[in-house]
Amino acid sequence: MVKAKVASGMYNNASEVIRESLRFMETHEAWIYQIKLDKLRSEVNKGIKHLDRGESVDGRAFFEELNKQ
């Protein structure tokens, strides 16, 4: 794949291909991290809204019931 990129003329050598690939990976990982963080924040906000409306369960009772199952 690296050889093909160099042969295409888009890059002068393999090092350029590798550097560009690593930059892309870094950007992609940051993007995925942000998506996961946004989803987590959304879920936390949903939970807070439920609590504000009084929609909650007793944690101890929940886990006791879960352990019975």
Protein backbone atom coordinates (compact mmCIF):
# COMPACT_ATOMS: atom_id res chain seq x y z
CA MET A 1 0.00 0.00 0.00
CA VAL A 2 2.83 2.38 0.88
CA LYS A 3 4.61 1.56 -2.39
CA ALA A 4 1.40 2.20 -4.32
CA LYS A 5 0.98 5.62 -2.71
CA VAL A 6 4.54 6.60 -3.60
CA ALA A 7 4.10 5.21 -7.13
CA SER A 8 0.94 7.28 -7.55
CA GLY A 9 3.03 10.43 -7.27
CA MET A 10 1.04 11.75 -4.30
CA TYR A 11 4.04 11.25 -2.01
CA ASN A 12 7.77 11.52 -2.63
CA ASN A 13 8.75 8.58 -0.42
CA ALA A 14 7.56 6.01 2.11
CA SER A 15 8.33 8.29 5.05
CA GLU A 16 5.83 10.86 3.82
CA VAL A 17 3.17 8.16 3.50
CA ILE A 18 3.85 6.91 7.02
CA ARG A 19 3.85 10.42 8.53
CA GLU A 20 0.56 11.24 6.82
CA SER A 21 -0.92 7.93 7.98
CA LEU A 22 0.11 8.58 11.57
CA ARG A 23 -1.40 12.09 11.46
CA PHE A 24 -4.62 10.60 10.11
CA MET A 25 -4.67 7.97 12.87
CA GLU A 26 -4.18 10.63 15.51
CA THR A 27 -7.00 12.75 14.09
CA HIS A 28 -9.27 9.72 13.79
CA GLU A 29 -8.60 8.65 17.39
CA ALA A 30 -9.35 12.17 18.64
CA TRP A 31 -12.58 12.19 16.64
CA ILE A 32 -13.67 8.81 18.05
CA TYR A 33 -12.79 9.95 21.58
CA GLN A 34 -14.94 13.08 21.12
CA ILE A 35 -17.89 11.04 19.82
CA LYS A 36 -17.69 8.73 22.83
CA LEU A 37 -17.37 11.68 25.22
CA ASP A 38 -20.39 13.42 23.66
CA LYS A 39 -22.44 10.20 23.97
CA LEU A 40 -21.42 9.80 27.62
CA ARG A 41 -22.36 13.40 28.38
CA SER A 42 -25.71 12.89 26.69
CA GLU A 43 -26.43 9.78 28.77
CA VAL A 44 -25.40 11.54 31.99
CA ASN A 45 -27.72 14.44 31.14
CA LYS A 46 -30.58 12.01 30.54
CA GLY A 47 -29.93 10.51 33.96
CA ILE A 48 -29.88 13.91 35.60
CA LYS A 49 -33.20 14.81 33.96
CA HIS A 50 -34.72 11.56 35.23
CA LEU A 51 -33.50 12.32 38.74
CA ASP A 52 -34.87 15.88 38.53
CA ARG A 53 -38.29 14.40 37.67
CA GLY A 54 -38.04 12.03 40.62
CA GLU A 55 -37.57 8.99 38.40
CA SER A 56 -35.06 6.92 40.33
CA VAL A 57 -34.67 3.57 42.01
CA ASP A 58 -33.03 2.57 45.25
CA GLY A 59 -29.52 1.45 44.32
CA ARG A 60 -29.18 -1.11 47.08
CA ALA A 61 -32.53 -2.71 46.21
CA PHE A 62 -31.65 -2.74 42.52
CA PHE A 63 -28.39 -4.62 43.08
CA GLU A 64 -29.98 -7.03 45.53
CA GLU A 65 -32.58 -7.91 42.92
CA LEU A 66 -29.92 -8.18 40.24
CA ASN A 67 -27.89 -10.57 42.39
CA LYS A 68 -30.96 -12.78 42.89
CA GLN A 69 -31.28 -13.20 39.14
